[in-house]
């Protein structure tokens, strides 16, 4: 998956109107909460076959950090 496609799907997953960039800070996103993390965990499992848990998100600061959780995202 290309980064641009990831950004679009991640934005949709968060139900966010404003576009995201790789540098978007997670702490600045009103939509980024525990429910969003659960949705991302389910999405990564379905889309990439990658099993994640809440611990994987500890310390992540940007959207690019989330994308880096999957080697399939380029």
N, C-alpha and C. Protein backbone atom coordinates (compact mmCIF):
# COMPACT_ATOMS: atom_id res chain seq x y z
N UNK A 1 0.85 -1.17 0.00
CA UNK A 1 0.00 0.00 0.00
C UNK A 1 0.90 1.24 0.00
N UNK A 2 0.55 2.17 -0.83
CA UNK A 2 1.28 3.43 -0.89
C UNK A 2 0.87 4.32 0.30
N UNK A 3 1.77 5.18 0.73
CA UNK A 3 1.50 6.06 1.86
C UNK A 3 0.28 6.94 1.62
N UNK A 4 0.13 7.42 0.39
CA UNK A 4 -1.02 8.28 0.09
C UNK A 4 -2.34 7.54 0.31
N UNK A 5 -2.40 6.28 -0.10
CA UNK A 5 -3.60 5.47 0.10
C UNK A 5 -3.82 5.23 1.60
N UNK A 6 -2.73 4.96 2.33
CA UNK A 6 -2.83 4.78 3.77
C UNK A 6 -3.42 6.02 4.43
N UNK A 7 -2.93 7.20 4.04
CA UNK A 7 -3.41 8.44 4.64
C UNK A 7 -4.91 8.61 4.40
N UNK A 8 -5.36 8.30 3.20
CA UNK A 8 -6.79 8.41 2.88
C UNK A 8 -7.61 7.44 3.71
N UNK A 9 -7.17 6.19 3.78
CA UNK A 9 -7.92 5.19 4.54
C UNK A 9 -7.88 5.47 6.04
N UNK A 10 -6.74 5.95 6.53
CA UNK A 10 -6.62 6.29 7.95
C UNK A 10 -7.54 7.46 8.28
N UNK A 11 -7.61 8.44 7.41
CA UNK A 11 -8.51 9.58 7.59
C UNK A 11 -9.96 9.10 7.64
N UNK A 12 -10.34 8.21 6.73
CA UNK A 12 -11.69 7.66 6.72
C UNK A 12 -11.97 6.88 7.99
N UNK A 13 -11.00 6.09 8.42
CA UNK A 13 -11.16 5.29 9.63
C UNK A 13 -11.42 6.17 10.85
N UNK A 14 -10.74 7.31 10.90
CA UNK A 14 -10.93 8.24 12.01
C UNK A 14 -12.17 9.11 11.85
N UNK A 15 -12.83 8.98 10.68
CA UNK A 15 -14.00 9.80 10.35
C UNK A 15 -13.64 11.27 10.48
N UNK A 16 -12.54 11.62 9.86
CA UNK A 16 -11.99 12.97 9.92
C UNK A 16 -12.20 13.66 8.58
N UNK A 17 -12.67 14.90 8.62
CA UNK A 17 -12.90 15.67 7.39
C UNK A 17 -11.60 16.27 6.84
N UNK A 18 -10.76 16.76 7.72
CA UNK A 18 -9.51 17.40 7.30
C UNK A 18 -8.49 16.36 6.88
N UNK A 19 -7.75 16.64 5.82
CA UNK A 19 -6.74 15.67 5.37
C UNK A 19 -5.60 15.53 6.38
N UNK A 20 -4.98 14.37 6.33
CA UNK A 20 -3.85 14.07 7.20
C UNK A 20 -2.57 14.07 6.38
N UNK A 21 -1.47 14.33 7.04
CA UNK A 21 -0.15 14.20 6.42
C UNK A 21 0.66 13.25 7.31
N UNK A 22 1.76 12.75 6.81
CA UNK A 22 2.60 11.89 7.65
C UNK A 22 3.06 12.60 8.93
N UNK A 23 3.19 13.90 8.86
CA UNK A 23 3.66 14.67 10.01
C UNK A 23 2.55 15.08 10.98
N UNK A 24 1.29 14.75 10.66
CA UNK A 24 0.19 15.09 11.57
C UNK A 24 0.45 14.45 12.92
N UNK A 25 0.39 15.26 13.95
CA UNK A 25 0.63 14.76 15.31
C UNK A 25 -0.65 14.14 15.87
N UNK A 26 -0.53 12.93 16.37
CA UNK A 26 -1.69 12.21 16.89
C UNK A 26 -2.35 12.97 18.04
N UNK A 27 -1.56 13.58 18.90
CA UNK A 27 -2.11 14.30 20.05
C UNK A 27 -2.94 15.51 19.63
N UNK A 28 -2.75 15.98 18.40
CA UNK A 28 -3.51 17.12 17.90
C UNK A 28 -4.82 16.71 17.22
N UNK A 29 -5.04 15.41 17.06
CA UNK A 29 -6.24 14.92 16.40
C UNK A 29 -7.32 14.63 17.44
N UNK A 30 -8.41 15.36 17.38
CA UNK A 30 -9.51 15.14 18.31
C UNK A 30 -10.05 13.72 18.23
N UNK A 31 -9.96 13.13 17.05
CA UNK A 31 -10.52 11.79 16.81
C UNK A 31 -9.63 10.67 17.36
N UNK A 32 -8.39 10.98 17.73
CA UNK A 32 -7.46 9.95 18.18
C UNK A 32 -7.69 9.66 19.65
N UNK A 33 -8.34 8.53 19.91
CA UNK A 33 -8.64 8.10 21.27
C UNK A 33 -8.59 6.57 21.31
N UNK A 34 -8.97 5.99 22.42
CA UNK A 34 -8.89 4.53 22.56
C UNK A 34 -9.78 3.80 21.56
N UNK A 35 -10.92 4.36 21.23
CA UNK A 35 -11.78 3.73 20.22
C UNK A 35 -11.14 3.77 18.85
N UNK A 36 -10.46 4.86 18.53
CA UNK A 36 -9.76 4.95 17.25
C UNK A 36 -8.63 3.92 17.20
N UNK A 37 -7.93 3.76 18.30
CA UNK A 37 -6.85 2.77 18.34
C UNK A 37 -7.41 1.37 18.13
N UNK A 38 -8.54 1.06 18.76
CA UNK A 38 -9.18 -0.24 18.56
C UNK A 38 -9.55 -0.44 17.09
N UNK A 39 -10.06 0.60 16.44
CA UNK A 39 -10.42 0.51 15.03
C UNK A 39 -9.17 0.28 14.17
N UNK A 40 -8.08 0.94 14.51
CA UNK A 40 -6.83 0.77 13.77
C UNK A 40 -6.29 -0.65 13.97
N UNK A 41 -6.39 -1.16 15.18
CA UNK A 41 -5.96 -2.54 15.46
C UNK A 41 -6.74 -3.52 14.57
N UNK A 42 -8.06 -3.36 14.50
CA UNK A 42 -8.89 -4.23 13.67
C UNK A 42 -8.55 -4.07 12.19
N UNK A 43 -8.33 -2.82 11.77
CA UNK A 43 -8.00 -2.54 10.37
C UNK A 43 -6.66 -3.17 9.99
N UNK A 44 -5.64 -3.03 10.84
CA UNK A 44 -4.34 -3.62 10.54
C UNK A 44 -4.44 -5.14 10.46
N UNK A 45 -5.26 -5.74 11.31
CA UNK A 45 -5.44 -7.19 11.28
C UNK A 45 -6.08 -7.61 9.96
N UNK A 46 -7.13 -6.92 9.55
CA UNK A 46 -7.85 -7.27 8.33
C UNK A 46 -7.04 -6.90 7.07
N UNK A 47 -6.49 -5.71 7.04
CA UNK A 47 -5.83 -5.20 5.84
C UNK A 47 -4.43 -5.79 5.63
N UNK A 48 -3.68 -5.96 6.72
CA UNK A 48 -2.28 -6.35 6.60
C UNK A 48 -1.95 -7.69 7.26
N UNK A 49 -2.95 -8.28 7.94
CA UNK A 49 -2.69 -9.53 8.65
C UNK A 49 -1.72 -9.34 9.81
N UNK A 50 -1.73 -8.15 10.35
CA UNK A 50 -0.80 -7.78 11.42
C UNK A 50 -1.58 -7.66 12.73
N UNK A 51 -1.17 -8.44 13.74
CA UNK A 51 -1.83 -8.41 15.04
C UNK A 51 -1.13 -7.39 15.92
N UNK A 52 -1.87 -6.38 16.33
CA UNK A 52 -1.35 -5.32 17.19
C UNK A 52 -2.12 -5.29 18.50
N UNK A 53 -1.58 -4.58 19.47
CA UNK A 53 -2.29 -4.33 20.72
C UNK A 53 -2.01 -2.89 21.14
N UNK A 54 -2.63 -2.47 22.21
CA UNK A 54 -2.48 -1.08 22.65
C UNK A 54 -1.01 -0.71 22.90
N UNK A 55 -0.22 -1.67 23.33
CA UNK A 55 1.18 -1.40 23.61
C UNK A 55 1.96 -0.95 22.37
N UNK A 56 1.52 -1.40 21.18
CA UNK A 56 2.19 -0.99 19.95
C UNK A 56 2.05 0.51 19.70
N UNK A 57 1.07 1.14 20.30
CA UNK A 57 0.80 2.54 20.04
C UNK A 57 1.42 3.48 21.08
N UNK A 58 1.98 2.88 22.12
CA UNK A 58 2.61 3.69 23.16
C UNK A 58 3.84 4.38 22.57
N UNK A 59 3.90 5.67 22.74
CA UNK A 59 5.04 6.44 22.27
C UNK A 59 4.94 6.93 20.83
N UNK A 60 3.91 6.48 20.11
CA UNK A 60 3.76 6.97 18.74
C UNK A 60 3.33 8.43 18.77
N UNK A 61 3.91 9.23 17.89
CA UNK A 61 3.62 10.65 17.91
C UNK A 61 2.96 11.16 16.64
N UNK A 62 3.24 10.53 15.51
CA UNK A 62 2.72 11.05 14.24
C UNK A 62 2.00 9.95 13.47
N UNK A 63 1.29 10.38 12.45
CA UNK A 63 0.61 9.44 11.55
C UNK A 63 1.66 8.55 10.87
N UNK A 64 2.82 9.09 10.56
CA UNK A 64 3.90 8.29 9.96
C UNK A 64 4.34 7.17 10.90
N UNK A 65 4.31 7.42 12.20
CA UNK A 65 4.66 6.38 13.17
C UNK A 65 3.66 5.23 13.10
N UNK A 66 2.39 5.54 12.92
CA UNK A 66 1.36 4.50 12.78
C UNK A 66 1.61 3.72 11.50
N UNK A 67 1.87 4.41 10.40
CA UNK A 67 2.13 3.75 9.12
C UNK A 67 3.34 2.82 9.23
N UNK A 68 4.31 3.20 10.01
CA UNK A 68 5.54 2.40 10.15
C UNK A 68 5.29 1.06 10.86
N UNK A 69 4.12 0.89 11.46
CA UNK A 69 3.78 -0.38 12.11
C UNK A 69 3.60 -1.50 11.10
N UNK A 70 3.45 -1.16 9.83
CA UNK A 70 3.28 -2.18 8.79
C UNK A 70 4.32 -1.98 7.70
N UNK A 71 5.14 -3.00 7.44
CA UNK A 71 6.14 -2.89 6.40
C UNK A 71 5.54 -2.80 4.99
N UNK A 72 4.25 -3.12 4.86
CA UNK A 72 3.60 -3.06 3.55
C UNK A 72 3.33 -1.64 3.09
N UNK A 73 3.40 -0.68 4.00
CA UNK A 73 3.11 0.72 3.66
C UNK A 73 4.41 1.38 3.23
N UNK A 74 4.39 1.88 2.01
CA UNK A 74 5.60 2.49 1.44
C UNK A 74 5.40 3.94 1.18
